[in-house]
Amino acid sequence: MVESELWVGVAAVPLISGIVQMLRSAGLPARFSGLVAIVVGMILATGSMLSDAELTLIQRPAIIEALGQGLMAGLGASGFYDVTKAATNRVAFGDGRGDDG
């Protein structure tokens, strides 16, 4: 289960952000990006848990744990997107301090 937790913690955030960005370029309204990121995170984490070869019997606590990890990854991806967008805007349009700041 450690590999699954590591996957959700490290690789899922940019992956979820990329999936949401693809959906946005396909027409997803920006106001739904956060919700979609959370749902995608939960789906990916639950799918990762279900694909574990050692898991022979689906247990409710394992699914709840996977959904919680997906929720955290989705929220992380939403924040990652917002920070990246703010940094991109700051670089593209300046930081608002004028030419000498």
C-alpha atoms as a PDB file:
ATOM      1  CA  MET A   1       0.000   0.000   0.000  1.00  0.00           C
ATOM      2  CA  VAL A   2       3.007   2.298   0.414  1.00  0.00           C
ATOM      3  CA  GLU A   3       3.488   2.494  -3.351  1.00  0.00           C
ATOM      4  CA  SER A   4      -0.130   3.579  -3.780  1.00  0.00           C
ATOM      5  CA  GLU A   5       0.237   6.313  -1.156  1.00  0.00           C
ATOM      6  CA  LEU A   6       3.458   7.492  -2.783  1.00  0.00           C
ATOM      7  CA  TRP A   7       1.791   7.568  -6.211  1.00  0.00           C
ATOM      8  CA  VAL A   8      -1.092   9.645  -4.909  1.00  0.00           C
ATOM      9  CA  GLY A   9       1.251  11.940  -3.022  1.00  0.00           C
ATOM     10  CA  VAL A  10       3.831  12.625  -5.716  1.00  0.00           C
ATOM     11  CA  ALA A  11       2.657  11.834  -9.223  1.00  0.00           C
ATOM     12  CA  ALA A  12      -1.080  12.379  -8.988  1.00  0.00           C
ATOM     13  CA  VAL A  13      -1.122  16.156  -8.563  1.00  0.00           C
ATOM     14  CA  PRO A  14       0.494  17.069 -11.910  1.00  0.00           C
ATOM     15  CA  LEU A  15      -1.319  14.175 -13.598  1.00  0.00           C
ATOM     16  CA  ILE A  16      -4.709  15.367 -12.344  1.00  0.00           C
ATOM     17  CA  SER A  17      -3.838  18.946 -13.259  1.00  0.00           C
ATOM     18  CA  GLY A  18      -2.943  17.832 -16.779  1.00  0.00           C
ATOM     19  CA  ILE A  19      -6.173  15.852 -17.169  1.00  0.00           C
ATOM     20  CA  VAL A  20      -8.244  18.815 -15.996  1.00  0.00           C
ATOM     21  CA  GLN A  21      -6.357  21.136 -18.343  1.00  0.00           C
ATOM     22  CA  MET A  22      -7.102  18.777 -21.255  1.00  0.00           C
ATOM     23  CA  LEU A  23     -10.778  18.786 -20.280  1.00  0.00           C
ATOM     24  CA  ARG A  24     -10.732  22.591 -20.062  1.00  0.00           C
ATOM     25  CA  SER A  25      -9.285  22.862 -23.563  1.00  0.00           C
ATOM     26  CA  ALA A  26     -12.046  20.487 -24.687  1.00  0.00           C
ATOM     27  CA  GLY A  27     -14.694  22.888 -23.360  1.00  0.00           C
ATOM     28  CA  LEU A  28     -15.006  22.335 -19.602  1.00  0.00           C
ATOM     29  CA  PRO A  29     -16.024  25.620 -17.941  1.00  0.00           C
ATOM     30  CA  ALA A  30     -13.327  26.984 -15.621  1.00  0.00           C
ATOM     31  CA  ARG A  31     -15.703  27.154 -12.658  1.00  0.00           C
ATOM     32  CA  PHE A  32     -15.950  23.339 -12.616  1.00  0.00           C
ATOM     33  CA  SER A  33     -12.184  22.726 -12.699  1.00  0.00           C
ATOM     34  CA  GLY A  34     -11.837  22.260  -8.932  1.00  0.00           C
ATOM     35  CA  LEU A  35     -14.732  19.829  -8.709  1.00  0.00           C
ATOM     36  CA  VAL A  36     -13.482  17.852 -11.699  1.00  0.00           C
ATOM     37  CA  ALA A  37      -9.985  17.721 -10.181  1.00  0.00           C
ATOM     38  CA  ILE A  38     -11.398  16.232  -6.975  1.00  0.00           C
ATOM     39  CA  VAL A  39     -13.488  13.660  -8.853  1.00  0.00           C
ATOM     40  CA  VAL A  40     -10.564  12.684 -11.114  1.00  0.00           C
ATOM     41  CA  GLY A  41      -8.326  12.347  -8.053  1.00  0.00           C
ATOM     42  CA  MET A  42     -10.822  10.078  -6.328  1.00  0.00           C
ATOM     43  CA  ILE A  43     -11.252   7.953  -9.442  1.00  0.00           C
ATOM     44  CA  LEU A  44      -7.498   7.586  -9.964  1.00  0.00           C
ATOM     45  CA  ALA A  45      -6.798   6.756  -6.310  1.00  0.00           C
ATOM     46  CA  THR A  46      -9.627   4.220  -6.139  1.00  0.00           C
ATOM     47  CA  GLY A  47      -8.527   2.674  -9.437  1.00  0.00           C
ATOM     48  CA  SER A  48      -4.975   2.441  -8.140  1.00  0.00           C
ATOM     49  CA  MET A  49      -6.206   0.728  -4.989  1.00  0.00           C
ATOM     50  CA  LEU A  50      -8.371  -1.714  -6.937  1.00  0.00           C
ATOM     51  CA  SER A  51      -5.533  -2.589  -9.304  1.00  0.00           C
ATOM     52  CA  ASP A  52      -3.296  -3.674  -6.419  1.00  0.00           C
ATOM     53  CA  ALA A  53      -2.458  -7.344  -6.996  1.00  0.00           C
ATOM     54  CA  GLU A  54      -2.354  -8.104  -3.266  1.00  0.00           C
ATOM     55  CA  LEU A  55      -5.898  -6.902  -2.707  1.00  0.00           C
ATOM     56  CA  THR A  56      -8.086  -9.982  -2.858  1.00  0.00           C
ATOM     57  CA  LEU A  57     -11.142  -8.749  -0.997  1.00  0.00           C
ATOM     58  CA  ILE A  58     -12.440  -5.216  -1.345  1.00  0.00           C
ATOM     59  CA  GLN A  59     -12.764  -3.781   2.113  1.00  0.00           C
ATOM     60  CA  ARG A  60     -14.727  -0.670   2.962  1.00  0.00           C
ATOM     61  CA  PRO A  61     -11.884   0.993   4.947  1.00  0.00           C
ATOM     62  CA  ALA A  62      -9.507   0.575   1.990  1.00  0.00           C
ATOM     63  CA  ILE A  63     -11.965   2.235  -0.370  1.00  0.00           C
ATOM     64  CA  ILE A  64     -12.613   5.064   2.087  1.00  0.00           C
ATOM     65  CA  GLU A  65      -8.860   5.554   2.469  1.00  0.00           C
ATOM     66  CA  ALA A  66      -8.409   5.630  -1.314  1.00  0.00           C
ATOM     67  CA  LEU A  67     -11.224   8.160  -1.678  1.00  0.00           C
ATOM     68  CA  GLY A  68      -9.598  10.319   0.998  1.00  0.00           C
ATOM     69  CA  GLN A  69      -6.259  10.146  -0.782  1.00  0.00           C
ATOM     70  CA  GLY A  70      -7.977  11.054  -4.039  1.00  0.00           C
ATOM     71  CA  LEU A  71      -9.699  13.977  -2.358  1.00  0.00           C
ATOM     72  CA  MET A  72      -6.358  15.285  -1.087  1.00  0.00           C
ATOM     73  CA  ALA A  73      -4.733  14.797  -4.494  1.00  0.00           C
ATOM     74  CA  GLY A  74      -7.620  16.586  -6.234  1.00  0.00           C
ATOM     75  CA  LEU A  75      -7.449  19.496  -3.816  1.00  0.00           C
ATOM     76  CA  GLY A  76      -3.697  19.591  -4.283  1.00  0.00           C
ATOM     77  CA  ALA A  77      -4.127  19.659  -8.052  1.00  0.00           C
ATOM     78  CA  SER A  78      -6.613  22.535  -7.760  1.00  0.00           C
ATOM     79  CA  GLY A  79      -4.132  24.519  -5.695  1.00  0.00           C
ATOM     80  CA  PHE A  80      -1.289  23.560  -8.028  1.00  0.00           C
ATOM     81  CA  TYR A  81      -3.272  24.907 -10.982  1.00  0.00           C
ATOM     82  CA  ASP A  82      -4.106  28.167  -9.173  1.00  0.00           C
ATOM     83  CA  VAL A  83      -0.490  28.750  -8.137  1.00  0.00           C
ATOM     84  CA  THR A  84       0.782  27.984 -11.646  1.00  0.00           C
ATOM     85  CA  LYS A  85      -1.810  30.288 -13.186  1.00  0.00           C
ATOM     86  CA  ALA A  86      -0.950  33.120 -10.777  1.00  0.00           C
ATOM     87  CA  ALA A  87       2.780  32.707 -11.406  1.00  0.00           C
ATOM     88  CA  THR A  88       2.256  32.645 -15.168  1.00  0.00           C
ATOM     89  CA  ASN A  89       0.140  35.800 -15.023  1.00  0.00           C
ATOM     90  CA  ARG A  90       2.726  37.498 -12.838  1.00  0.00           C
ATOM     91  CA  VAL A  91       5.524  36.700 -15.280  1.00  0.00           C
ATOM     92  CA  ALA A  92       3.465  37.584 -18.369  1.00  0.00           C
ATOM     93  CA  PHE A  93       1.972  40.824 -17.060  1.00  0.00           C
ATOM     94  CA  GLY A  94       4.577  41.926 -14.522  1.00  0.00           C
ATOM     95  CA  ASP A  95       4.240  41.908 -10.787  1.00  0.00           C
ATOM     96  CA  GLY A  96       2.470  45.249 -10.468  1.00  0.00           C
ATOM     97  CA  ARG A  97       5.414  47.057  -8.843  1.00  0.00           C
ATOM     98  CA  GLY A  98       6.339  49.162 -11.834  1.00  0.00           C
ATOM     99  CA  ASP A  99       9.493  49.152 -13.941  1.00  0.00           C
ATOM    100  CA  ASP A 100      11.928  49.866 -11.133  1.00  0.00           C
ATOM    101  CA  GLY A 101      10.587  47.386  -8.542  1.00  0.00           C
END
